[in-house]
Amino acid sequence: MATGEGDDQTPAKMKVMVSIDDSEYSHHALQWALDNLHRTITASQPLVVLTVQPITNLAYIPAASFGSARMFTPMAPTPELVRALQDQQRRISQALLEKAKEMCLHSKVAVETITVLGEPKDVICAAVEKLNIDLLIMGSHGRGAVQRALLGSVSNYCVHSATCPVIVVKK
């Protein structure tokens, strides 16, 4: 663990951010940070916990929700459907951040929570830069090479693009 100059007992002051989503992997990463960086986090600014509400492509909506047997059908979403989907995303984000706050409270760590709308990999890297983050912590979904190639990897993108060190925590 990093320490202040010449003093092995004083943790370095750093601004740490944990990016979470609705996976068990990101909450494992948050718990890892609370367990392993507790002294650094409590001696520094509040821990920043970020969740990203991805922009949903509404051009294709599961037709099953409209009683059709086809898997997907192109259709123009109604304003009510768009509002319902946005409200659902907002509720999920709020629940994620509430769980993160409880975890931080249990560990006696001050926390600042942020929700941003956008493409996760871009939003996370932009937040690192905008908030002057010194260390980014993320969970790894543990996908294999083929899945990463097809789906992409937010953590891999951030490792290569963030302007600070990134710790990817595997479960």
Protein backbone atom coordinates (compact mmCIF):
# COMPACT_ATOMS: atom_id res chain seq x y z
CA MET A 1 0.00 0.00 0.00
CA ALA A 2 1.22 3.49 -0.79
CA THR A 3 2.41 5.59 2.11
CA GLY A 4 3.33 9.21 2.65
CA GLU A 5 6.91 10.35 2.21
CA GLY A 6 9.17 8.88 4.86
CA ASP A 7 6.32 7.67 7.05
CA ASP A 8 5.37 4.01 6.77
CA GLN A 9 2.32 4.56 8.97
CA THR A 10 0.60 7.34 7.00
CA PRO A 11 -1.36 6.26 3.94
CA ALA A 12 -0.99 8.38 0.82
CA LYS A 13 -3.88 10.69 0.05
CA MET A 14 -5.55 9.61 -3.14
CA LYS A 15 -8.89 9.98 -4.81
CA VAL A 16 -10.23 6.50 -5.47
CA MET A 17 -13.20 5.59 -7.67
CA VAL A 18 -14.99 2.25 -7.93
CA SER A 19 -17.17 1.70 -10.97
CA ILE A 20 -20.15 -0.56 -10.32
CA ASP A 21 -22.89 -2.15 -12.37
CA ASP A 22 -25.59 -4.68 -11.55
CA SER A 23 -23.17 -7.60 -11.50
CA GLU A 24 -21.85 -9.43 -8.47
CA TYR A 25 -18.35 -8.80 -9.85
CA SER A 26 -18.48 -5.04 -9.39
CA HIS A 27 -19.78 -5.34 -5.83
CA HIS A 28 -16.98 -7.81 -5.14
CA ALA A 29 -14.54 -5.17 -6.42
CA LEU A 30 -16.09 -2.56 -4.11
CA GLN A 31 -15.79 -4.91 -1.14
CA TRP A 32 -12.19 -5.68 -2.13
CA ALA A 33 -11.42 -1.94 -2.15
CA LEU A 34 -13.06 -1.47 1.25
CA ASP A 35 -11.15 -4.42 2.71
CA ASN A 36 -7.74 -3.85 1.13
CA LEU A 37 -7.51 -0.07 0.75
CA HIS A 38 -9.43 0.93 3.88
CA ARG A 39 -6.62 3.01 5.41
CA THR A 40 -5.91 4.79 2.15
CA ILE A 41 -9.59 5.46 1.47
CA THR A 42 -10.41 6.70 4.99
CA ALA A 43 -7.35 8.99 5.02
CA SER A 44 -8.31 10.50 1.68
CA GLN A 45 -11.29 12.18 0.12
CA PRO A 46 -14.59 10.29 0.05
CA LEU A 47 -14.58 7.14 -2.05
CA VAL A 48 -16.29 7.86 -5.37
CA VAL A 49 -18.71 5.16 -6.52
CA LEU A 50 -19.86 5.56 -10.11
CA THR A 51 -22.58 3.71 -11.94
CA VAL A 52 -23.40 4.23 -15.59
CA GLN A 53 -26.88 4.03 -17.05
CA PRO A 54 -26.24 2.68 -20.53
CA ILE A 55 -28.11 4.28 -23.39
CA THR A 56 -30.62 1.69 -24.54
CA ASN A 57 -31.01 1.24 -28.27
CA LEU A 58 -34.76 1.51 -28.59
CA ALA A 59 -34.75 0.74 -32.31
CA TYR A 60 -35.17 -2.95 -31.50
CA ILE A 61 -37.48 -3.90 -28.67
CA PRO A 62 -38.27 -7.49 -27.75
CA ALA A 63 -41.48 -8.21 -29.60
CA ALA A 64 -42.44 -10.78 -26.98
CA SER A 65 -43.37 -7.90 -24.71
CA PHE A 66 -46.00 -7.00 -27.32
CA GLY A 67 -47.34 -10.55 -27.76
CA SER A 68 -45.44 -11.41 -30.93
CA ALA A 69 -43.69 -14.75 -31.43
CA ARG A 70 -40.75 -13.16 -33.27
CA MET A 71 -37.64 -12.48 -31.20
CA PHE A 72 -37.09 -8.85 -32.18
CA THR A 73 -39.00 -6.51 -34.40
CA PRO A 74 -38.06 -3.01 -35.50
CA MET A 75 -40.60 -0.51 -34.26
CA ALA A 76 -40.83 3.04 -33.06
CA PRO A 77 -41.08 3.09 -29.26
CA THR A 78 -43.92 5.05 -27.72
CA PRO A 79 -43.09 7.93 -25.36
CA GLU A 80 -44.67 5.93 -22.53
CA LEU A 81 -42.38 2.97 -23.21
CA VAL A 82 -39.32 5.23 -23.35
CA ARG A 83 -40.28 6.81 -20.00
CA ALA A 84 -40.91 3.40 -18.46
CA LEU A 85 -37.50 2.11 -19.59
CA GLN A 86 -35.76 5.25 -18.33
CA ASP A 87 -37.55 4.99 -14.98
CA GLN A 88 -36.54 1.33 -14.72
CA GLN A 89 -32.89 2.24 -15.40
CA ARG A 90 -33.05 5.03 -12.82
CA ARG A 91 -34.47 2.66 -10.18
CA ILE A 92 -31.76 0.09 -10.89
CA SER A 93 -29.03 2.73 -10.58
CA GLN A 94 -30.48 4.06 -7.33
CA ALA A 95 -30.64 0.54 -5.89
CA LEU A 96 -27.02 -0.14 -6.91
CA LEU A 97 -25.84 3.05 -5.26
CA GLU A 98 -27.88 2.41 -2.11
CA LYS A 99 -26.24 -1.00 -1.77
CA ALA A 100 -22.81 0.61 -2.29
CA LYS A 101 -23.59 3.27 0.35
CA GLU A 102 -24.57 0.54 2.84
CA MET A 103 -21.32 -1.32 2.16
CA CYS A 104 -19.30 1.87 2.70
CA LEU A 105 -21.25 2.80 5.85
CA HIS A 106 -20.60 -0.68 7.25
CA SER A 107 -16.87 -0.14 6.60
CA LYS A 108 -16.99 3.42 8.00
CA VAL A 109 -15.91 4.93 4.68
CA ALA A 110 -17.23 8.27 3.41
CA VAL A 111 -18.72 7.89 -0.05
CA GLU A 112 -19.79 10.10 -2.92
CA THR A 113 -22.11 8.41 -5.43
CA ILE A 114 -22.54 9.41 -9.06
CA THR A 115 -24.82 8.18 -11.83
CA VAL A 116 -24.06 9.12 -15.44
CA LEU A 117 -25.91 8.27 -18.64
CA GLY A 118 -23.83 7.01 -21.57
CA GLU A 119 -21.56 4.33 -22.95
CA PRO A 120 -19.89 2.81 -19.83
CA LYS A 121 -16.30 2.67 -21.09
CA ASP A 122 -16.36 6.27 -22.31
CA VAL A 123 -18.20 7.64 -19.27
CA ILE A 124 -15.87 5.93 -16.80
CA CYS A 125 -12.72 7.25 -18.50
CA ALA A 126 -14.23 10.74 -18.78
CA ALA A 127 -15.17 10.69 -15.08
CA VAL A 128 -11.63 9.66 -14.14
CA GLU A 129 -10.29 12.70 -15.95
CA LYS A 130 -12.99 15.17 -14.86
CA LEU A 131 -12.84 14.17 -11.18
CA ASN A 132 -9.02 13.89 -11.07
CA ILE A 133 -9.19 10.28 -9.91
CA ASP A 134 -5.87 8.77 -8.76
CA LEU A 135 -6.97 5.12 -8.80
CA LEU A 136 -9.84 3.36 -10.59
CA ILE A 137 -11.12 0.00 -9.33
CA MET A 138 -13.36 -2.24 -11.42
CA GLY A 139 -14.66 -5.77 -11.31
CA SER A 140 -13.92 -8.34 -13.97
CA HIS A 141 -16.79 -10.37 -15.36
CA GLY A 142 -14.34 -13.17 -16.07
CA ARG A 143 -15.33 -13.54 -19.71
CA GLY A 144 -13.16 -15.62 -21.98
CA ALA A 145 -11.27 -14.30 -24.99
CA VAL A 146 -14.08 -15.05 -27.44
CA GLN A 147 -16.73 -13.26 -25.36
CA ARG A 148 -14.41 -10.29 -24.86
CA ALA A 149 -13.80 -10.13 -28.61
CA LEU A 150 -17.52 -10.22 -29.38
CA LEU A 151 -18.87 -8.12 -26.51
CA GLY A 152 -15.90 -5.94 -25.75
CA SER A 153 -14.55 -5.40 -22.28
CA VAL A 154 -15.17 -2.21 -20.35
CA SER A 155 -12.39 -3.00 -17.89
CA ASN A 156 -9.91 -3.73 -20.71
CA TYR A 157 -10.78 -0.46 -22.41
CA CYS A 158 -10.33 1.45 -19.15
CA VAL A 159 -7.01 -0.24 -18.39
CA HIS A 160 -5.70 1.06 -21.72
CA SER A 161 -7.48 4.43 -21.82
CA ALA A 162 -7.91 5.80 -18.30
CA THR A 163 -5.52 8.53 -17.20
CA CYS A 164 -4.83 6.83 -13.85
CA PRO A 165 -3.83 3.36 -12.66
CA VAL A 166 -6.63 0.79 -12.86
CA ILE A 167 -7.08 -2.25 -10.63
CA VAL A 168 -9.28 -4.97 -12.10
CA VAL A 169 -10.52 -7.26 -9.35
CA LYS A 170 -11.39 -10.83 -10.26
CA LYS A 171 -13.83 -12.79 -8.16
